Amino acid sequence: MQFQADLLGVPVQRPAVLETTALGAALLAGLAVGMYKDLNETASGWHVADFFTPQMDKARREELLTGWHRAVDGALHWAEMNK
């Protein structure tokens, strides 16, 4: 998650429950059957476990992102050439 924060250049929060897709489905099901009165009530169980702030310098971030863009472009061109 630190790498994500560094590359995005924004703070990243990691929730206490890592299976957020399953949790979201369960909470929405509970909302649908009236277990919760509204979306705000379903959010009461969500808690931040870790918080990551960007630490990478701008030049390094740009270098890594340039490499990533180059790799994506290469993969796209390879896929087009091998249809």
PDB file of N, CA and C in Angstrom:
ATOM      1  N   MET A   1       0.813  -1.177   0.000  1.00  0.00           N
ATOM      2  CA  MET A   1       0.000   0.000   0.000  1.00  0.00           C
ATOM      3  C   MET A   1       0.867   1.255   0.000  1.00  0.00           C
ATOM      4  N   GLN A   2       2.043   1.135   0.591  1.00  0.00           N
ATOM      5  CA  GLN A   2       2.951   2.282   0.570  1.00  0.00           C
ATOM      6  C   GLN A   2       3.338   2.616  -0.862  1.00  0.00           C
ATOM      7  N   PHE A   3       3.589   1.588  -1.663  1.00  0.00           N
ATOM      8  CA  PHE A   3       3.955   1.803  -3.062  1.00  0.00           C
ATOM      9  C   PHE A   3       2.801   2.469  -3.815  1.00  0.00           C
ATOM     10  N   GLN A   4       1.566   2.053  -3.521  1.00  0.00           N
ATOM     11  CA  GLN A   4       0.406   2.687  -4.149  1.00  0.00           C
ATOM     12  C   GLN A   4       0.353   4.167  -3.807  1.00  0.00           C
ATOM     13  N   ALA A   5       0.529   4.481  -2.532  1.00  0.00           N
ATOM     14  CA  ALA A   5       0.506   5.882  -2.104  1.00  0.00           C
ATOM     15  C   ALA A   5       1.617   6.667  -2.793  1.00  0.00           C
ATOM     16  N   ASP A   6       2.786   6.063  -2.883  1.00  0.00           N
ATOM     17  CA  ASP A   6       3.917   6.731  -3.522  1.00  0.00           C
ATOM     18  C   ASP A   6       3.646   7.008  -4.998  1.00  0.00           C
ATOM     19  N   LEU A   7       3.152   5.998  -5.726  1.00  0.00           N
ATOM     20  CA  LEU A   7       2.917   6.167  -7.161  1.00  0.00           C
ATOM     21  C   LEU A   7       1.746   7.097  -7.453  1.00  0.00           C
ATOM     22  N   LEU A   8       0.708   7.014  -6.630  1.00  0.00           N
ATOM     23  CA  LEU A   8      -0.450   7.872  -6.849  1.00  0.00           C
ATOM     24  C   LEU A   8      -0.211   9.298  -6.357  1.00  0.00           C
ATOM     25  N   GLY A   9       0.695   9.440  -5.404  1.00  0.00           N
ATOM     26  CA  GLY A   9       0.971  10.751  -4.842  1.00  0.00           C
ATOM     27  C   GLY A   9      -0.127  11.249  -3.922  1.00  0.00           C
ATOM     28  N   VAL A  10      -0.897  10.308  -3.369  1.00  0.00           N
ATOM     29  CA  VAL A  10      -1.991  10.654  -2.455  1.00  0.00           C
ATOM     30  C   VAL A  10      -1.981   9.687  -1.271  1.00  0.00           C
ATOM     31  N   PRO A  11      -2.554  10.093  -0.144  1.00  0.00           N
ATOM     32  CA  PRO A  11      -2.665   9.181   0.991  1.00  0.00           C
ATOM     33  C   PRO A  11      -3.578   7.995   0.650  1.00  0.00           C
ATOM     34  N   VAL A  12      -3.273   6.828   1.206  1.00  0.00           N
ATOM     35  CA  VAL A  12      -4.069   5.624   0.997  1.00  0.00           C
ATOM     36  C   VAL A  12      -4.431   5.049   2.354  1.00  0.00           C
ATOM     37  N   GLN A  13      -5.695   4.704   2.518  1.00  0.00           N
ATOM     38  CA  GLN A  13      -6.154   4.061   3.749  1.00  0.00           C
ATOM     39  C   GLN A  13      -6.377   2.585   3.472  1.00  0.00           C
ATOM     40  N   ARG A  14      -5.973   1.738   4.429  1.00  0.00           N
ATOM     41  CA  ARG A  14      -6.255   0.303   4.318  1.00  0.00           C
ATOM     42  C   ARG A  14      -7.257  -0.041   5.413  1.00  0.00           C
ATOM     43  N   PRO A  15      -8.385  -0.643   5.037  1.00  0.00           N
ATOM     44  CA  PRO A  15      -9.407  -0.945   6.033  1.00  0.00           C
ATOM     45  C   PRO A  15      -9.004  -2.122   6.926  1.00  0.00           C
ATOM     46  N   ALA A  16      -9.631  -2.188   8.094  1.00  0.00           N
ATOM     47  CA  ALA A  16      -9.379  -3.289   9.019  1.00  0.00           C
ATOM     48  C   ALA A  16      -9.834  -4.609   8.395  1.00  0.00           C
ATOM     49  N   VAL A  17     -10.963  -4.591   7.695  1.00  0.00           N
ATOM     50  CA  VAL A  17     -11.468  -5.782   7.003  1.00  0.00           C
ATOM     51  C   VAL A  17     -10.976  -5.709   5.570  1.00  0.00           C
ATOM     52  N   LEU A  18     -10.088  -6.631   5.203  1.00  0.00           N
ATOM     53  CA  LEU A  18      -9.504  -6.600   3.864  1.00  0.00           C
ATOM     54  C   LEU A  18     -10.447  -7.139   2.793  1.00  0.00           C
ATOM     55  N   GLU A  19     -11.390  -7.968   3.165  1.00  0.00           N
ATOM     56  CA  GLU A  19     -12.351  -8.518   2.201  1.00  0.00           C
ATOM     57  C   GLU A  19     -13.524  -7.560   2.034  1.00  0.00           C
ATOM     58  N   THR A  20     -13.238  -6.370   1.515  1.00  0.00           N
ATOM     59  CA  THR A  20     -14.264  -5.333   1.431  1.00  0.00           C
ATOM     60  C   THR A  20     -15.359  -5.649   0.421  1.00  0.00           C
ATOM     61  N   THR A  21     -15.055  -6.424  -0.610  1.00  0.00           N
ATOM     62  CA  THR A  21     -16.087  -6.778  -1.583  1.00  0.00           C
ATOM     63  C   THR A  21     -17.150  -7.642  -0.918  1.00  0.00           C
ATOM     64  N   ALA A  22     -16.730  -8.664  -0.191  1.00  0.00           N
ATOM     65  CA  ALA A  22     -17.674  -9.540   0.513  1.00  0.00           C
ATOM     66  C   ALA A  22     -18.418  -8.766   1.595  1.00  0.00           C
ATOM     67  N   LEU A  23     -17.713  -7.921   2.317  1.00  0.00           N
ATOM     68  CA  LEU A  23     -18.350  -7.116   3.356  1.00  0.00           C
ATOM     69  C   LEU A  23     -19.400  -6.187   2.746  1.00  0.00           C
ATOM     70  N   GLY A  24     -19.059  -5.546   1.635  1.00  0.00           N
ATOM     71  CA  GLY A  24     -20.010  -4.658   0.968  1.00  0.00           C
ATOM     72  C   GLY A  24     -21.263  -5.386   0.523  1.00  0.00           C
ATOM     73  N   ALA A  25     -21.087  -6.576  -0.046  1.00  0.00           N
ATOM     74  CA  ALA A  25     -22.245  -7.369  -0.477  1.00  0.00           C
ATOM     75  C   ALA A  25     -23.116  -7.743   0.715  1.00  0.00           C
ATOM     76  N   ALA A  26     -22.494  -8.132   1.810  1.00  0.00           N
ATOM     77  CA  ALA A  26     -23.254  -8.503   3.007  1.00  0.00           C
ATOM     78  C   ALA A  26     -23.996  -7.299   3.581  1.00  0.00           C
ATOM     79  N   LEU A  27     -23.327  -6.153   3.631  1.00  0.00           N
ATOM     80  CA  LEU A  27     -23.970  -4.955   4.174  1.00  0.00           C
ATOM     81  C   LEU A  27     -25.132  -4.493   3.298  1.00  0.00           C
ATOM     82  N   LEU A  28     -24.955  -4.563   1.974  1.00  0.00           N
ATOM     83  CA  LEU A  28     -26.052  -4.189   1.074  1.00  0.00           C
ATOM     84  C   LEU A  28     -27.225  -5.164   1.182  1.00  0.00           C
ATOM     85  N   ALA A  29     -26.925  -6.441   1.380  1.00  0.00           N
ATOM     86  CA  ALA A  29     -28.004  -7.418   1.587  1.00  0.00           C
ATOM     87  C   ALA A  29     -28.751  -7.087   2.880  1.00  0.00           C
ATOM     88  N   GLY A  30     -28.010  -6.752   3.923  1.00  0.00           N
ATOM     89  CA  GLY A  30     -28.642  -6.360   5.176  1.00  0.00           C
ATOM     90  C   GLY A  30     -29.484  -5.108   5.018  1.00  0.00           C
ATOM     91  N   LEU A  31     -29.019  -4.180   4.223  1.00  0.00           N
ATOM     92  CA  LEU A  31     -29.777  -2.956   3.943  1.00  0.00           C
ATOM     93  C   LEU A  31     -31.071  -3.299   3.193  1.00  0.00           C
ATOM     94  N   ALA A  32     -30.968  -4.220   2.236  1.00  0.00           N
ATOM     95  CA  ALA A  32     -32.129  -4.599   1.419  1.00  0.00           C
ATOM     96  C   ALA A  32     -33.228  -5.259   2.241  1.00  0.00           C
ATOM     97  N   VAL A  33     -32.859  -5.989   3.281  1.00  0.00           N
ATOM     98  CA  VAL A  33     -33.872  -6.684   4.085  1.00  0.00           C
ATOM     99  C   VAL A  33     -34.273  -5.897   5.330  1.00  0.00           C
ATOM    100  N   GLY A  34     -33.783  -4.663   5.444  1.00  0.00           N
ATOM    101  CA  GLY A  34     -34.183  -3.815   6.555  1.00  0.00           C
ATOM    102  C   GLY A  34     -33.362  -3.949   7.820  1.00  0.00           C
ATOM    103  N   MET A  35     -32.257  -4.657   7.744  1.00  0.00           N
ATOM    104  CA  MET A  35     -31.393  -4.821   8.913  1.00  0.00           C
ATOM    105  C   MET A  35     -30.740  -3.489   9.302  1.00  0.00           C
ATOM    106  N   TYR A  36     -30.480  -2.645   8.296  1.00  0.00           N
ATOM    107  CA  TYR A  36     -29.917  -1.312   8.502  1.00  0.00           C
ATOM    108  C   TYR A  36     -30.910  -0.303   7.947  1.00  0.00           C
ATOM    109  N   LYS A  37     -31.016   0.854   8.585  1.00  0.00           N
ATOM    110  CA  LYS A  37     -31.994   1.846   8.128  1.00  0.00           C
ATOM    111  C   LYS A  37     -31.505   2.653   6.923  1.00  0.00           C
ATOM    112  N   ASP A  38     -30.162   2.813   6.789  1.00  0.00           N
ATOM    113  CA  ASP A  38     -29.618   3.575   5.661  1.00  0.00           C
ATOM    114  C   ASP A  38     -28.144   3.238   5.467  1.00  0.00           C
ATOM    115  N   LEU A  39     -27.557   3.794   4.395  1.00  0.00           N
ATOM    116  CA  LEU A  39     -26.142   3.511   4.102  1.00  0.00           C
ATOM    117  C   LEU A  39     -25.214   3.988   5.213  1.00  0.00           C
ATOM    118  N   ASN A  40     -25.562   5.101   5.843  1.00  0.00           N
ATOM    119  CA  ASN A  40     -24.712   5.605   6.927  1.00  0.00           C
ATOM    120  C   ASN A  40     -24.591   4.600   8.064  1.00  0.00           C
ATOM    121  N   GLU A  41     -25.656   3.888   8.341  1.00  0.00           N
ATOM    122  CA  GLU A  41     -25.606   2.890   9.410  1.00  0.00           C
ATOM    123  C   GLU A  41     -24.700   1.713   9.033  1.00  0.00           C
ATOM    124  N   THR A  42     -24.653   1.355   7.751  1.00  0.00           N
ATOM    125  CA  THR A  42     -23.788   0.247   7.335  1.00  0.00           C
ATOM    126  C   THR A  42     -22.310   0.625   7.455  1.00  0.00           C
ATOM    127  N   ALA A  43     -22.012   1.914   7.366  1.00  0.00           N
ATOM    128  CA  ALA A  43     -20.619   2.372   7.418  1.00  0.00           C
ATOM    129  C   ALA A  43     -20.049   2.368   8.831  1.00  0.00           C
ATOM    130  N   SER A  44     -20.874   2.178   9.826  1.00  0.00           N
ATOM    131  CA  SER A  44     -20.394   2.263  11.209  1.00  0.00           C
ATOM    132  C   SER A  44     -19.362   1.190  11.545  1.00  0.00           C
ATOM    133  N   GLY A  45     -19.345   0.079  10.810  1.00  0.00           N
ATOM    134  CA  GLY A  45     -18.386  -0.983  11.082  1.00  0.00           C
ATOM    135  C   GLY A  45     -17.080  -0.862  10.319  1.00  0.00           C
ATOM    136  N   TRP A  46     -16.964   0.170   9.488  1.00  0.00           N
ATOM    137  CA  TRP A  46     -15.759   0.338   8.672  1.00  0.00           C
ATOM    138  C   TRP A  46     -14.721   1.110   9.474  1.00  0.00           C
ATOM    139  N   HIS A  47     -13.517   0.549   9.575  1.00  0.00           N
ATOM    140  CA  HIS A  47     -12.448   1.193  10.333  1.00  0.00           C
ATOM    141  C   HIS A  47     -11.140   1.128   9.553  1.00  0.00           C
ATOM    142  N   VAL A  48     -10.332   2.141   9.688  1.00  0.00           N
ATOM    143  CA  VAL A  48      -9.018   2.186   9.050  1.00  0.00           C
ATOM    144  C   VAL A  48      -8.024   1.407   9.905  1.00  0.00           C
ATOM    145  N   ALA A  49      -7.292   0.484   9.272  1.00  0.00           N
ATOM    146  CA  ALA A  49      -6.260  -0.266   9.983  1.00  0.00           C
ATOM    147  C   ALA A  49      -4.899   0.405   9.820  1.00  0.00           C
ATOM    148  N   ASP A  50      -4.624   0.897   8.612  1.00  0.00           N
ATOM    149  CA  ASP A  50      -3.333   1.530   8.327  1.00  0.00           C
ATOM    150  C   ASP A  50      -3.554   2.719   7.401  1.00  0.00           C
ATOM    151  N   PHE A  51      -2.645   3.675   7.485  1.00  0.00           N
ATOM    152  CA  PHE A  51      -2.714   4.884   6.672  1.00  0.00           C
ATOM    153  C   PHE A  51      -1.328   5.106   6.088  1.00  0.00           C
ATOM    154  N   PHE A  52      -1.253   5.264   4.772  1.00  0.00           N
ATOM    155  CA  PHE A  52       0.021   5.412   4.083  1.00  0.00           C
ATOM    156  C   PHE A  52       0.069   6.775   3.401  1.00  0.00           C
ATOM    157  N   THR A  53       1.122   7.519   3.629  1.00  0.00           N
ATOM    158  CA  THR A  53       1.291   8.821   2.986  1.00  0.00           C
ATOM    159  C   THR A  53       2.427   8.735   1.976  1.00  0.00           C
ATOM    160  N   PRO A  54       2.318   9.463   0.869  1.00  0.00           N
ATOM    161  CA  PRO A  54       3.364   9.422  -0.152  1.00  0.00           C
ATOM    162  C   PRO A  54       4.711   9.850   0.427  1.00  0.00           C
ATOM    163  N   GLN A  55       5.754   9.086   0.108  1.00  0.00           N
ATOM    164  CA  GLN A  55       7.095   9.400   0.585  1.00  0.00           C
ATOM    165  C   GLN A  55       8.116   9.471  -0.549  1.00  0.00           C
ATOM    166  N   MET A  56       7.739   8.983  -1.718  1.00  0.00           N
ATOM    167  CA  MET A  56       8.659   8.936  -2.850  1.00  0.00           C
ATOM    168  C   MET A  56       8.802  10.330  -3.459  1.00  0.00           C
ATOM    169  N   ASP A  57      10.024  10.678  -3.860  1.00  0.00           N
ATOM    170  CA  ASP A  57      10.195  11.991  -4.476  1.00  0.00           C
ATOM    171  C   ASP A  57       9.609  11.990  -5.885  1.00  0.00           C
ATOM    172  N   LYS A  58       9.258  13.164  -6.352  1.00  0.00           N
ATOM    173  CA  LYS A  58       8.550  13.324  -7.625  1.00  0.00           C
ATOM    174  C   LYS A  58       9.334  12.756  -8.802  1.00  0.00           C
ATOM    175  N   ALA A  59      10.630  12.962  -8.841  1.00  0.00           N
ATOM    176  CA  ALA A  59      11.442  12.480  -9.962  1.00  0.00           C
ATOM    177  C   ALA A  59      11.404  10.954 -10.053  1.00  0.00           C
ATOM    178  N   ARG A  60      11.491  10.267  -8.915  1.00  0.00           N
ATOM    179  CA  ARG A  60      11.458   8.804  -8.904  1.00  0.00           C
ATOM    180  C   ARG A  60      10.073   8.307  -9.319  1.00  0.00           C
ATOM    181  N   ARG A  61       9.025   8.949  -8.816  1.00  0.00           N
ATOM    182  CA  ARG A  61       7.650   8.568  -9.176  1.00  0.00           C
ATOM    183  C   ARG A  61       7.460   8.698 -10.690  1.00  0.00           C
ATOM    184  N   GLU A  62       7.898   9.805 -11.271  1.00  0.00           N
ATOM    185  CA  GLU A  62       7.752  10.011 -12.714  1.00  0.00           C
ATOM    186  C   GLU A  62       8.545   8.983 -13.509  1.00  0.00           C
ATOM    187  N   GLU A  63       9.731   8.635 -13.023  1.00  0.00           N
ATOM    188  CA  GLU A  63      10.551   7.614 -13.685  1.00  0.00           C
ATOM    189  C   GLU A  63       9.820   6.269 -13.706  1.00  0.00           C
ATOM    190  N   LEU A  64       9.263   5.866 -12.574  1.00  0.00           N
ATOM    191  CA  LEU A  64       8.541   4.598 -12.492  1.00  0.00           C
ATOM    192  C   LEU A  64       7.274   4.613 -13.341  1.00  0.00           C
ATOM    193  N   LEU A  65       6.554   5.712 -13.319  1.00  0.00           N
ATOM    194  CA  LEU A  65       5.331   5.801 -14.121  1.00  0.00           C
ATOM    195  C   LEU A  65       5.629   5.789 -15.614  1.00  0.00           C
ATOM    196  N   THR A  66       6.726   6.410 -16.014  1.00  0.00           N
ATOM    197  CA  THR A  66       7.129   6.372 -17.423  1.00  0.00           C
ATOM    198  C   THR A  66       7.405   4.932 -17.853  1.00  0.00           C
ATOM    199  N   GLY A  67       8.105   4.184 -17.012  1.00  0.00           N
ATOM    200  CA  GLY A  67       8.370   2.775 -17.304  1.00  0.00           C
ATOM    201  C   GLY A  67       7.093   1.955 -17.377  1.00  0.00           C
ATOM    202  N   TRP A  68       6.163   2.239 -16.477  1.00  0.00           N
ATOM    203  CA  TRP A  68       4.886   1.525 -16.465  1.00  0.00           C
ATOM    204  C   TRP A  68       4.109   1.811 -17.741  1.00  0.00           C
ATOM    205  N   HIS A  69       4.045   3.084 -18.146  1.00  0.00           N
ATOM    206  CA  HIS A  69       3.345   3.443 -19.388  1.00  0.00           C
ATOM    207  C   HIS A  69       3.999   2.769 -20.599  1.00  0.00           C
ATOM    208  N   ARG A  70       5.306   2.709 -20.602  1.00  0.00           N
ATOM    209  CA  ARG A  70       6.032   2.058 -21.701  1.00  0.00           C
ATOM    210  C   ARG A  70       5.681   0.574 -21.754  1.00  0.00           C
ATOM    211  N   ALA A  71       5.596  -0.070 -20.601  1.00  0.00           N
ATOM    212  CA  ALA A  71       5.253  -1.493 -20.548  1.00  0.00           C
ATOM    213  C   ALA A  71       3.817  -1.737 -21.021  1.00  0.00           C
ATOM    214  N   VAL A  72       2.883  -0.888 -20.615  1.00  0.00           N
ATOM    215  CA  VAL A  72       1.487  -1.031 -21.051  1.00  0.00           C
ATOM    216  C   VAL A  72       1.392  -0.842 -22.555  1.00  0.00           C
ATOM    217  N   ASP A  73       2.062   0.181 -23.080  1.00  0.00           N
ATOM    218  CA  ASP A  73       2.056   0.404 -24.529  1.00  0.00           C
ATOM    219  C   ASP A  73       2.620  -0.797 -25.271  1.00  0.00           C
ATOM    220  N   GLY A  74       3.713  -1.354 -24.765  1.00  0.00           N
ATOM    221  CA  GLY A  74       4.315  -2.525 -25.395  1.00  0.00           C
ATOM    222  C   GLY A  74       3.363  -3.709 -25.404  1.00  0.00           C
ATOM    223  N   ALA A  75       2.665  -3.922 -24.289  1.00  0.00           N
ATOM    224  CA  ALA A  75       1.714  -5.034 -24.202  1.00  0.00           C
ATOM    225  C   ALA A  75       0.555  -4.826 -25.170  1.00  0.00           C
ATOM    226  N   LEU A  76       0.070  -3.592 -25.274  1.00  0.00           N
ATOM    227  CA  LEU A  76      -1.029  -3.314 -26.196  1.00  0.00           C
ATOM    228  C   LEU A  76      -0.611  -3.539 -27.642  1.00  0.00           C
ATOM    229  N   HIS A  77       0.583  -3.093 -28.003  1.00  0.00           N
ATOM    230  CA  HIS A  77       1.065  -3.274 -29.380  1.00  0.00           C
ATOM    231  C   HIS A  77       1.323  -4.749 -29.663  1.00  0.00           C
ATOM    232  N   TRP A  78       1.817  -5.478 -28.686  1.00  0.00           N
ATOM    233  CA  TRP A  78       2.052  -6.908 -28.869  1.00  0.00           C
ATOM    234  C   TRP A  78       0.723  -7.609 -29.119  1.00  0.00           C
ATOM    235  N   ALA A  79      -0.300  -7.243 -28.336  1.00  0.00           N
ATOM    236  CA  ALA A  79      -1.621  -7.878 -28.498  1.00  0.00           C
ATOM    237  C   ALA A  79      -2.194  -7.560 -29.878  1.00  0.00           C
ATOM    238  N   GLU A  80      -2.022  -6.348 -30.357  1.00  0.00           N
ATOM    239  CA  GLU A  80      -2.540  -5.960 -31.678  1.00  0.00           C
ATOM    240  C   GLU A  80      -1.825  -6.729 -32.795  1.00  0.00           C
ATOM    241  N   MET A  81      -0.527  -6.924 -32.632  1.00  0.00           N
ATOM    242  CA  MET A  81       0.268  -7.607 -33.668  1.00  0.00           C
ATOM    243  C   MET A  81      -0.003  -9.111 -33.681  1.00  0.00           C
ATOM    244  N   ASN A  82      -0.513  -9.653 -32.591  1.00  0.00           N
ATOM    245  CA  ASN A  82      -0.699 -11.105 -32.475  1.00  0.00           C
ATOM    246  C   ASN A  82      -2.165 -11.513 -32.463  1.00  0.00           C
ATOM    247  N   LYS A  83      -2.992 -10.765 -33.175  1.00  0.00           N
ATOM    248  CA  LYS A  83      -4.429 -11.118 -33.265  1.00  0.00           C
ATOM    249  C   LYS A  83      -4.631 -12.253 -34.227  1.00  0.00           C
TER     250      LYS A  83
END
